[in-house]
Amino acid sequence: MNIPKGPELSAEQALFGVFDVWLGAMVPKRWARRAVTRNTIKRQIYNVSAHFAEALPCAAHVVRLRSEFDRKHFISASSDALKAAVRTELEQLFARAVTPPFVRAPGAPT
């Protein structure tokens, strides 16, 4: 079987056969030790993404937790305070994802 590589790869041979919004969530045990917390965060990711799904560009998106939630501040593994904090951060993240990047007009001063 001859598989094209590099510039020979055409748009018909895309990685994903469906042109749609795909979303994945990664919540490592390193940053959220308790399974309840990891599942709560994942649920928030999928709930918030549902509100932004129409505005997201067609692509595969991955949301990954990159820092720890302080267990002293969020004592309960699935507290309302944790959900609110995660939701607020996700809304900001998705708002940035749907807003097109700033493009300077040709000839505009820098």
C-alpha atoms as a PDB file:
ATOM      1  CA  MET A   1       0.000   0.000   0.000  1.00  0.00           C
ATOM      2  CA  ASN A   2       1.388   3.379  -1.032  1.00  0.00           C
ATOM      3  CA  ILE A   3       0.571   6.089   1.535  1.00  0.00           C
ATOM      4  CA  PRO A   4       1.365   9.667   0.396  1.00  0.00           C
ATOM      5  CA  LYS A   5       3.454  11.795   2.733  1.00  0.00           C
ATOM      6  CA  GLY A   6       4.115  15.515   3.016  1.00  0.00           C
ATOM      7  CA  PRO A   7       2.744  17.813   0.301  1.00  0.00           C
ATOM      8  CA  GLU A   8       1.198  14.863  -1.580  1.00  0.00           C
ATOM      9  CA  LEU A   9      -1.370  14.448   1.217  1.00  0.00           C
ATOM     10  CA  SER A  10      -4.706  15.825  -0.005  1.00  0.00           C
ATOM     11  CA  ALA A  11      -7.654  17.252   1.919  1.00  0.00           C
ATOM     12  CA  GLU A  12      -9.667  14.084   1.214  1.00  0.00           C
ATOM     13  CA  GLN A  13      -7.196  12.094   3.301  1.00  0.00           C
ATOM     14  CA  ALA A  14      -7.731  14.062   6.488  1.00  0.00           C
ATOM     15  CA  LEU A  15      -7.061  12.487   9.861  1.00  0.00           C
ATOM     16  CA  PHE A  16     -10.744  12.681  10.836  1.00  0.00           C
ATOM     17  CA  GLY A  17     -13.321  11.669   8.258  1.00  0.00           C
ATOM     18  CA  VAL A  18     -16.031  13.873   9.749  1.00  0.00           C
ATOM     19  CA  PHE A  19     -15.699  17.637   9.535  1.00  0.00           C
ATOM     20  CA  ASP A  20     -17.138  18.573  12.890  1.00  0.00           C
ATOM     21  CA  VAL A  21     -16.140  19.793  16.337  1.00  0.00           C
ATOM     22  CA  TRP A  22     -14.492  17.044  18.375  1.00  0.00           C
ATOM     23  CA  LEU A  23     -13.699  17.564  22.035  1.00  0.00           C
ATOM     24  CA  GLY A  24     -11.498  15.607  24.392  1.00  0.00           C
ATOM     25  CA  ALA A  25     -10.773  16.139  28.088  1.00  0.00           C
ATOM     26  CA  MET A  26      -7.583  15.198  29.919  1.00  0.00           C
ATOM     27  CA  VAL A  27      -7.541  15.482  33.690  1.00  0.00           C
ATOM     28  CA  PRO A  28      -4.373  13.782  34.966  1.00  0.00           C
ATOM     29  CA  LYS A  29      -4.257  12.138  38.364  1.00  0.00           C
ATOM     30  CA  ARG A  30      -1.167  14.246  39.056  1.00  0.00           C
ATOM     31  CA  TRP A  31      -3.284  17.424  39.298  1.00  0.00           C
ATOM     32  CA  ALA A  32      -6.550  15.977  40.639  1.00  0.00           C
ATOM     33  CA  ARG A  33      -5.884  13.011  42.924  1.00  0.00           C
ATOM     34  CA  ARG A  34      -9.468  12.003  43.632  1.00  0.00           C
ATOM     35  CA  ALA A  35     -11.531  10.348  40.886  1.00  0.00           C
ATOM     36  CA  VAL A  36     -14.569  12.338  42.023  1.00  0.00           C
ATOM     37  CA  THR A  37     -12.698  15.580  41.347  1.00  0.00           C
ATOM     38  CA  ARG A  38     -11.437  14.401  37.951  1.00  0.00           C
ATOM     39  CA  ASN A  39     -14.948  13.357  36.910  1.00  0.00           C
ATOM     40  CA  THR A  40     -16.430  16.638  38.161  1.00  0.00           C
ATOM     41  CA  ILE A  41     -13.898  18.626  36.122  1.00  0.00           C
ATOM     42  CA  LYS A  42     -14.545  16.512  33.002  1.00  0.00           C
ATOM     43  CA  ARG A  43     -18.292  16.987  33.395  1.00  0.00           C
ATOM     44  CA  GLN A  44     -17.783  20.756  33.586  1.00  0.00           C
ATOM     45  CA  ILE A  45     -15.602  20.655  30.463  1.00  0.00           C
ATOM     46  CA  TYR A  46     -18.283  18.859  28.464  1.00  0.00           C
ATOM     47  CA  ASN A  47     -21.122  21.042  29.828  1.00  0.00           C
ATOM     48  CA  VAL A  48     -19.372  24.330  29.059  1.00  0.00           C
ATOM     49  CA  SER A  49     -18.229  23.116  25.640  1.00  0.00           C
ATOM     50  CA  ALA A  50     -21.844  22.334  24.722  1.00  0.00           C
ATOM     51  CA  HIS A  51     -22.658  26.049  25.056  1.00  0.00           C
ATOM     52  CA  PHE A  52     -19.781  27.008  22.738  1.00  0.00           C
ATOM     53  CA  ALA A  53     -20.062  24.108  20.253  1.00  0.00           C
ATOM     54  CA  GLU A  54     -21.779  26.152  17.537  1.00  0.00           C
ATOM     55  CA  ALA A  55     -19.078  28.838  17.610  1.00  0.00           C
ATOM     56  CA  LEU A  56     -16.011  26.568  17.791  1.00  0.00           C
ATOM     57  CA  PRO A  57     -14.112  25.973  14.552  1.00  0.00           C
ATOM     58  CA  CYS A  58     -14.410  22.504  13.040  1.00  0.00           C
ATOM     59  CA  ALA A  59     -11.422  20.721  14.515  1.00  0.00           C
ATOM     60  CA  ALA A  60     -10.371  18.348  17.247  1.00  0.00           C
ATOM     61  CA  HIS A  61      -9.997  20.279  20.522  1.00  0.00           C
ATOM     62  CA  VAL A  62      -8.389  18.931  23.694  1.00  0.00           C
ATOM     63  CA  VAL A  63      -8.848  20.550  27.102  1.00  0.00           C
ATOM     64  CA  ARG A  64      -6.127  19.514  29.522  1.00  0.00           C
ATOM     65  CA  LEU A  65      -5.782  20.361  33.195  1.00  0.00           C
ATOM     66  CA  ARG A  66      -2.275  21.775  33.632  1.00  0.00           C
ATOM     67  CA  SER A  67      -2.179  22.785  37.275  1.00  0.00           C
ATOM     68  CA  GLU A  68      -3.503  21.630  40.600  1.00  0.00           C
ATOM     69  CA  PHE A  69      -6.643  22.807  42.342  1.00  0.00           C
ATOM     70  CA  ASP A  70      -5.661  23.584  45.941  1.00  0.00           C
ATOM     71  CA  ARG A  71      -7.235  20.978  48.227  1.00  0.00           C
ATOM     72  CA  LYS A  72      -7.096  23.438  51.143  1.00  0.00           C
ATOM     73  CA  HIS A  73      -9.306  25.866  49.220  1.00  0.00           C
ATOM     74  CA  PHE A  74     -11.597  23.214  47.696  1.00  0.00           C
ATOM     75  CA  ILE A  75     -12.063  20.786  50.581  1.00  0.00           C
ATOM     76  CA  SER A  76     -14.909  18.797  49.046  1.00  0.00           C
ATOM     77  CA  ALA A  77     -14.036  16.762  45.958  1.00  0.00           C
ATOM     78  CA  SER A  78     -17.131  17.968  44.100  1.00  0.00           C
ATOM     79  CA  SER A  79     -18.054  21.193  45.883  1.00  0.00           C
ATOM     80  CA  ASP A  80     -20.048  23.991  44.292  1.00  0.00           C
ATOM     81  CA  ALA A  81     -17.027  26.271  44.750  1.00  0.00           C
ATOM     82  CA  LEU A  82     -14.852  23.898  42.700  1.00  0.00           C
ATOM     83  CA  LYS A  83     -17.490  23.642  39.975  1.00  0.00           C
ATOM     84  CA  ALA A  84     -17.831  27.435  39.819  1.00  0.00           C
ATOM     85  CA  ALA A  85     -14.055  27.944  39.633  1.00  0.00           C
ATOM     86  CA  VAL A  86     -13.682  25.353  36.873  1.00  0.00           C
ATOM     87  CA  ARG A  87     -16.667  26.721  34.972  1.00  0.00           C
ATOM     88  CA  THR A  88     -15.359  30.309  35.107  1.00  0.00           C
ATOM     89  CA  GLU A  89     -11.949  29.271  33.831  1.00  0.00           C
ATOM     90  CA  LEU A  90     -13.447  27.138  31.064  1.00  0.00           C
ATOM     91  CA  GLU A  91     -15.765  29.919  29.897  1.00  0.00           C
ATOM     92  CA  GLN A  92     -12.752  32.214  29.525  1.00  0.00           C
ATOM     93  CA  LEU A  93     -10.832  29.512  27.666  1.00  0.00           C
ATOM     94  CA  PHE A  94     -13.656  28.731  25.240  1.00  0.00           C
ATOM     95  CA  ALA A  95     -14.347  32.441  24.687  1.00  0.00           C
ATOM     96  CA  ARG A  96     -10.737  32.805  23.511  1.00  0.00           C
ATOM     97  CA  ALA A  97     -11.129  29.751  21.257  1.00  0.00           C
ATOM     98  CA  VAL A  98     -14.181  31.137  19.443  1.00  0.00           C
ATOM     99  CA  THR A  99     -12.842  34.676  19.052  1.00  0.00           C
ATOM    100  CA  PRO A 100     -10.757  34.973  15.895  1.00  0.00           C
ATOM    101  CA  PRO A 101      -7.194  36.135  16.473  1.00  0.00           C
ATOM    102  CA  PHE A 102      -6.415  39.791  15.912  1.00  0.00           C
ATOM    103  CA  VAL A 103      -5.208  40.357  12.357  1.00  0.00           C
ATOM    104  CA  ARG A 104      -3.549  43.650  11.549  1.00  0.00           C
ATOM    105  CA  ALA A 105      -4.773  45.338   8.375  1.00  0.00           C
ATOM    106  CA  PRO A 106      -2.196  45.631   5.596  1.00  0.00           C
ATOM    107  CA  GLY A 107      -0.301  48.910   5.857  1.00  0.00           C
ATOM    108  CA  ALA A 108      -1.502  49.585   9.426  1.00  0.00           C
ATOM    109  CA  PRO A 109       1.086  51.012  11.825  1.00  0.00           C
ATOM    110  CA  THR A 110       2.623  48.521  14.250  1.00  0.00           C
END
